[in-house]
Amino acid sequence: MSFSAPEVLTSNHDLTSFDCGKPALNAWLKSRAVANQRNGFTVVVVVHYEQRVVGYYGLSPTAIEAAVLPRKIRTGQPPNPIPCLLLGQLAIDLAYAGHGLGAALLGHALERAVLGARLTGGRAVLVRAIDEEAIEFWKRHGFLSSPSDPYLLFRSLPEIEASLKAAGRL
């Protein structure tokens, strides 16, 4: 099975049968992704098989209060709020799980986050985990929970950049 390379969502992509097993992520893709992208709130990147979307993520700029960040990321005397990039969604259709799409999309998102931060600044990538399973996924990929909210996780952009360079991806 040959999937597309990651590309920006367009109205030509088929979203109708996407099901990652998480109703909120399914609903966001089907009802809000196109409008959010059109209005400049989020860039949505998809992988598809014959135009049927099988995985996606959303990336957007954001800012977060300094006190919410883990101390390891909130070093020095940062501005308040601290500029970050929000990896707002990351989901793979259950029918296409097990092909490495999740790891590939996460790698693509992190590469784009590093390149974007080089242009605009930013201290970390943040995610809002949808459930306990998601918290564990993000922690396996180096994200740290906020001291005030375990569902809010961060990974510093300098750390991401160093790991991507070490892997030969940047």
C-alpha atoms as a PDB file:
ATOM      1  CA  MET A   1       0.000   0.000   0.000  1.00  0.00           C
ATOM      2  CA  SER A   2       1.456   3.331  -1.036  1.00  0.00           C
ATOM      3  CA  PHE A   3       0.481   6.454   0.892  1.00  0.00           C
ATOM      4  CA  SER A   4       0.969  10.021  -0.247  1.00  0.00           C
ATOM      5  CA  ALA A   5       3.701  12.187   1.159  1.00  0.00           C
ATOM      6  CA  PRO A   6       2.414  14.617   3.811  1.00  0.00           C
ATOM      7  CA  GLU A   7       0.623  17.509   2.131  1.00  0.00           C
ATOM      8  CA  VAL A   8      -1.589  20.423   3.088  1.00  0.00           C
ATOM      9  CA  LEU A   9      -5.294  19.582   3.327  1.00  0.00           C
ATOM     10  CA  THR A  10      -7.454  20.710   0.407  1.00  0.00           C
ATOM     11  CA  SER A  11     -11.138  20.349  -0.446  1.00  0.00           C
ATOM     12  CA  ASN A  12     -10.141  17.514  -2.816  1.00  0.00           C
ATOM     13  CA  HIS A  13      -9.294  15.209   0.083  1.00  0.00           C
ATOM     14  CA  ASP A  14     -11.935  12.716   1.208  1.00  0.00           C
ATOM     15  CA  LEU A  15     -12.566  13.068   4.950  1.00  0.00           C
ATOM     16  CA  THR A  16     -15.906  11.268   5.128  1.00  0.00           C
ATOM     17  CA  SER A  17     -14.809   7.839   6.316  1.00  0.00           C
ATOM     18  CA  PHE A  18     -11.907   8.879   8.572  1.00  0.00           C
ATOM     19  CA  ASP A  19     -12.121   7.150  11.959  1.00  0.00           C
ATOM     20  CA  CYS A  20      -9.242   7.181  14.425  1.00  0.00           C
ATOM     21  CA  GLY A  21     -11.373   5.825  17.260  1.00  0.00           C
ATOM     22  CA  LYS A  22     -11.497   9.220  19.007  1.00  0.00           C
ATOM     23  CA  PRO A  23     -14.809  10.975  18.226  1.00  0.00           C
ATOM     24  CA  ALA A  24     -13.461  14.453  19.011  1.00  0.00           C
ATOM     25  CA  LEU A  25     -10.539  14.071  16.584  1.00  0.00           C
ATOM     26  CA  ASN A  26     -12.814  12.625  13.884  1.00  0.00           C
ATOM     27  CA  ALA A  27     -15.299  15.488  14.321  1.00  0.00           C
ATOM     28  CA  TRP A  28     -12.585  18.168  14.243  1.00  0.00           C
ATOM     29  CA  LEU A  29     -11.188  16.855  10.964  1.00  0.00           C
ATOM     30  CA  LYS A  30     -14.591  16.522   9.306  1.00  0.00           C
ATOM     31  CA  SER A  31     -16.244  19.706  10.551  1.00  0.00           C
ATOM     32  CA  ARG A  32     -13.549  22.259  11.406  1.00  0.00           C
ATOM     33  CA  ALA A  33     -10.211  21.477   9.735  1.00  0.00           C
ATOM     34  CA  VAL A  34     -10.932  23.039   6.338  1.00  0.00           C
ATOM     35  CA  ALA A  35     -12.462  26.206   7.830  1.00  0.00           C
ATOM     36  CA  ASN A  36      -9.701  26.576  10.436  1.00  0.00           C
ATOM     37  CA  GLN A  37      -7.095  26.316   7.711  1.00  0.00           C
ATOM     38  CA  ARG A  38      -8.939  28.684   5.349  1.00  0.00           C
ATOM     39  CA  ASN A  39      -9.185  31.261   8.161  1.00  0.00           C
ATOM     40  CA  GLY A  40      -5.488  31.001   9.031  1.00  0.00           C
ATOM     41  CA  PHE A  41      -5.914  29.387  12.465  1.00  0.00           C
ATOM     42  CA  THR A  42      -4.239  26.062  11.705  1.00  0.00           C
ATOM     43  CA  VAL A  43      -2.253  24.412   8.943  1.00  0.00           C
ATOM     44  CA  VAL A  44      -3.603  20.894   8.497  1.00  0.00           C
ATOM     45  CA  VAL A  45      -1.286  18.315   6.956  1.00  0.00           C
ATOM     46  CA  VAL A  46      -2.640  14.999   5.729  1.00  0.00           C
ATOM     47  CA  VAL A  47      -1.462  11.673   4.383  1.00  0.00           C
ATOM     48  CA  HIS A  48      -3.900   9.960   2.057  1.00  0.00           C
ATOM     49  CA  TYR A  49      -4.439   6.816   0.070  1.00  0.00           C
ATOM     50  CA  GLU A  50      -6.180   7.569  -3.242  1.00  0.00           C
ATOM     51  CA  GLN A  51      -7.418  10.920  -1.789  1.00  0.00           C
ATOM     52  CA  ARG A  52      -8.915   9.216   1.305  1.00  0.00           C
ATOM     53  CA  VAL A  53      -7.292  10.846   4.333  1.00  0.00           C
ATOM     54  CA  VAL A  54      -5.677   8.208   6.549  1.00  0.00           C
ATOM     55  CA  GLY A  55      -3.777  10.490   8.920  1.00  0.00           C
ATOM     56  CA  TYR A  56      -3.465  14.148   9.794  1.00  0.00           C
ATOM     57  CA  TYR A  57      -2.079  16.754  12.142  1.00  0.00           C
ATOM     58  CA  GLY A  58      -2.732  20.428  12.795  1.00  0.00           C
ATOM     59  CA  LEU A  59      -0.026  22.964  13.612  1.00  0.00           C
ATOM     60  CA  SER A  60      -0.482  26.572  14.688  1.00  0.00           C
ATOM     61  CA  PRO A  61       1.295  29.317  16.601  1.00  0.00           C
ATOM     62  CA  THR A  62       0.285  29.949  20.191  1.00  0.00           C
ATOM     63  CA  ALA A  63       1.581  31.442  23.416  1.00  0.00           C
ATOM     64  CA  ILE A  64       1.458  30.029  26.925  1.00  0.00           C
ATOM     65  CA  GLU A  65       1.862  31.515  30.383  1.00  0.00           C
ATOM     66  CA  ALA A  66       5.360  30.852  31.724  1.00  0.00           C
ATOM     67  CA  ALA A  67       4.097  29.237  34.941  1.00  0.00           C
ATOM     68  CA  VAL A  68       2.424  26.445  32.942  1.00  0.00           C
ATOM     69  CA  LEU A  69       5.677  25.217  31.374  1.00  0.00           C
ATOM     70  CA  PRO A  70       7.845  22.565  33.025  1.00  0.00           C
ATOM     71  CA  ARG A  71      10.917  24.177  34.668  1.00  0.00           C
ATOM     72  CA  LYS A  72      13.257  22.324  32.252  1.00  0.00           C
ATOM     73  CA  ILE A  73      11.684  24.230  29.345  1.00  0.00           C
ATOM     74  CA  ARG A  74      11.082  27.536  31.148  1.00  0.00           C
ATOM     75  CA  THR A  75      14.758  28.458  31.543  1.00  0.00           C
ATOM     76  CA  GLY A  76      16.313  31.903  31.831  1.00  0.00           C
ATOM     77  CA  GLN A  77      14.059  34.940  31.816  1.00  0.00           C
ATOM     78  CA  PRO A  78      11.508  34.163  29.115  1.00  0.00           C
ATOM     79  CA  PRO A  79       8.849  36.592  27.925  1.00  0.00           C
ATOM     80  CA  ASN A  80       5.379  36.097  29.328  1.00  0.00           C
ATOM     81  CA  PRO A  81       3.493  34.619  27.541  1.00  0.00           C
ATOM     82  CA  ILE A  82       6.057  32.361  25.903  1.00  0.00           C
ATOM     83  CA  PRO A  83       5.697  31.776  22.145  1.00  0.00           C
ATOM     84  CA  CYS A  84       5.168  28.124  21.240  1.00  0.00           C
ATOM     85  CA  LEU A  85       3.782  25.982  18.452  1.00  0.00           C
ATOM     86  CA  LEU A  86       0.621  23.994  19.070  1.00  0.00           C
ATOM     87  CA  LEU A  87       0.471  20.501  17.630  1.00  0.00           C
ATOM     88  CA  GLY A  88      -3.273  20.556  18.043  1.00  0.00           C
ATOM     89  CA  GLN A  89      -4.201  17.201  16.574  1.00  0.00           C
ATOM     90  CA  LEU A  90      -2.456  14.062  15.400  1.00  0.00           C
ATOM     91  CA  ALA A  91      -4.535  11.077  14.354  1.00  0.00           C
ATOM     92  CA  ILE A  92      -4.352   7.968  12.179  1.00  0.00           C
ATOM     93  CA  ASP A  93      -7.375   6.120  10.789  1.00  0.00           C
ATOM     94  CA  LEU A  94      -7.741   2.787  12.606  1.00  0.00           C
ATOM     95  CA  ALA A  95      -7.943   0.932   9.293  1.00  0.00           C
ATOM     96  CA  TYR A  96      -4.431   2.153   8.442  1.00  0.00           C
ATOM     97  CA  ALA A  97      -2.769   1.863  11.856  1.00  0.00           C
ATOM     98  CA  GLY A  98       0.410  -0.163  12.116  1.00  0.00           C
ATOM     99  CA  HIS A  99       2.082   1.240   8.993  1.00  0.00           C
ATOM    100  CA  GLY A 100       4.255   3.786  10.838  1.00  0.00           C
ATOM    101  CA  LEU A 101       2.086   6.714   9.773  1.00  0.00           C
ATOM    102  CA  GLY A 102       1.803   8.157  13.291  1.00  0.00           C
ATOM    103  CA  ALA A 103       5.561   8.289  13.797  1.00  0.00           C
ATOM    104  CA  ALA A 104       6.076   9.645  10.272  1.00  0.00           C
ATOM    105  CA  LEU A 105       3.502  12.402  10.731  1.00  0.00           C
ATOM    106  CA  LEU A 106       4.903  13.309  14.144  1.00  0.00           C
ATOM    107  CA  GLY A 107       8.397  13.545  12.637  1.00  0.00           C
ATOM    108  CA  HIS A 108       7.069  15.735   9.820  1.00  0.00           C
ATOM    109  CA  ALA A 109       5.239  17.994  12.294  1.00  0.00           C
ATOM    110  CA  LEU A 110       8.328  18.385  14.471  1.00  0.00           C
ATOM    111  CA  GLU A 111      10.507  19.208  11.443  1.00  0.00           C
ATOM    112  CA  ARG A 112       8.011  21.887  10.365  1.00  0.00           C
ATOM    113  CA  ALA A 113       7.858  23.236  13.926  1.00  0.00           C
ATOM    114  CA  VAL A 114      11.647  23.624  14.063  1.00  0.00           C
ATOM    115  CA  LEU A 115      11.760  25.296  10.639  1.00  0.00           C
ATOM    116  CA  GLY A 116       8.870  27.592  11.585  1.00  0.00           C
ATOM    117  CA  ALA A 117      10.495  28.554  14.878  1.00  0.00           C
ATOM    118  CA  ARG A 118      13.659  29.498  13.007  1.00  0.00           C
ATOM    119  CA  LEU A 119      11.563  32.116  11.185  1.00  0.00           C
ATOM    120  CA  THR A 120       9.290  33.316  13.969  1.00  0.00           C
ATOM    121  CA  GLY A 121      10.747  32.152  17.277  1.00  0.00           C
ATOM    122  CA  GLY A 122       9.213  29.774  19.755  1.00  0.00           C
ATOM    123  CA  ARG A 123      10.364  27.871  22.804  1.00  0.00           C
ATOM    124  CA  ALA A 124       8.437  24.602  22.656  1.00  0.00           C
ATOM    125  CA  VAL A 125       5.885  22.447  20.898  1.00  0.00           C
ATOM    126  CA  LEU A 126       2.830  21.903  23.032  1.00  0.00           C
ATOM    127  CA  VAL A 127       0.067  19.334  22.800  1.00  0.00           C
ATOM    128  CA  ARG A 128      -3.218  18.880  24.628  1.00  0.00           C
ATOM    129  CA  ALA A 129      -3.678  15.161  25.135  1.00  0.00           C
ATOM    130  CA  ILE A 130      -7.223  13.942  24.588  1.00  0.00           C
ATOM    131  CA  ASP A 131      -6.983  11.076  27.109  1.00  0.00           C
ATOM    132  CA  GLU A 132      -4.607   8.960  29.218  1.00  0.00           C
ATOM    133  CA  GLU A 133      -3.576   6.881  26.202  1.00  0.00           C
ATOM    134  CA  ALA A 134      -2.529  10.072  24.409  1.00  0.00           C
ATOM    135  CA  ILE A 135      -0.567  11.279  27.448  1.00  0.00           C
ATOM    136  CA  GLU A 136       1.475   8.073  27.328  1.00  0.00           C
ATOM    137  CA  PHE A 137       2.019   8.445  23.559  1.00  0.00           C
ATOM    138  CA  TRP A 138       3.373  11.982  23.962  1.00  0.00           C
ATOM    139  CA  LYS A 139       5.590  11.027  26.901  1.00  0.00           C
ATOM    140  CA  ARG A 140       7.114   8.194  24.842  1.00  0.00           C
ATOM    141  CA  HIS A 141       8.077  10.867  22.318  1.00  0.00           C
ATOM    142  CA  GLY A 142       9.872  13.077  24.834  1.00  0.00           C
ATOM    143  CA  PHE A 143       7.072  15.425  25.873  1.00  0.00           C
ATOM    144  CA  LEU A 144       6.837  16.570  29.512  1.00  0.00           C
ATOM    145  CA  SER A 145       3.587  17.262  31.352  1.00  0.00           C
ATOM    146  CA  SER A 146       2.819  20.715  32.675  1.00  0.00           C
ATOM    147  CA  PRO A 147       3.149  20.929  36.451  1.00  0.00           C
ATOM    148  CA  SER A 148      -0.419  22.251  36.578  1.00  0.00           C
ATOM    149  CA  ASP A 149      -2.150  20.008  33.999  1.00  0.00           C
ATOM    150  CA  PRO A 150      -1.094  16.456  33.033  1.00  0.00           C
ATOM    151  CA  TYR A 151      -3.030  16.740  29.742  1.00  0.00           C
ATOM    152  CA  LEU A 152      -0.886  19.682  28.621  1.00  0.00           C
ATOM    153  CA  LEU A 153       2.530  18.477  27.443  1.00  0.00           C
ATOM    154  CA  PHE A 154       5.593  20.231  26.061  1.00  0.00           C
ATOM    155  CA  ARG A 155       8.864  19.484  24.309  1.00  0.00           C
ATOM    156  CA  SER A 156      11.460  22.213  23.844  1.00  0.00           C
ATOM    157  CA  LEU A 157      12.262  23.217  20.291  1.00  0.00           C
ATOM    158  CA  PRO A 158      16.054  23.171  20.898  1.00  0.00           C
ATOM    159  CA  GLU A 159      15.734  19.550  22.103  1.00  0.00           C
ATOM    160  CA  ILE A 160      13.585  18.638  19.093  1.00  0.00           C
ATOM    161  CA  GLU A 161      16.063  20.270  16.724  1.00  0.00           C
ATOM    162  CA  ALA A 162      19.013  18.443  18.312  1.00  0.00           C
ATOM    163  CA  SER A 163      17.259  15.071  18.033  1.00  0.00           C
ATOM    164  CA  LEU A 164      16.281  15.689  14.404  1.00  0.00           C
ATOM    165  CA  LYS A 165      19.852  16.706  13.541  1.00  0.00           C
ATOM    166  CA  ALA A 166      21.207  13.597  15.269  1.00  0.00           C
ATOM    167  CA  ALA A 167      18.826  11.494  13.171  1.00  0.00           C
ATOM    168  CA  GLY A 168      19.929  13.273   9.969  1.00  0.00           C
ATOM    169  CA  ARG A 169      16.497  14.801   9.409  1.00  0.00           C
ATOM    170  CA  LEU A 170      17.577  18.450   9.495  1.00  0.00           C
END
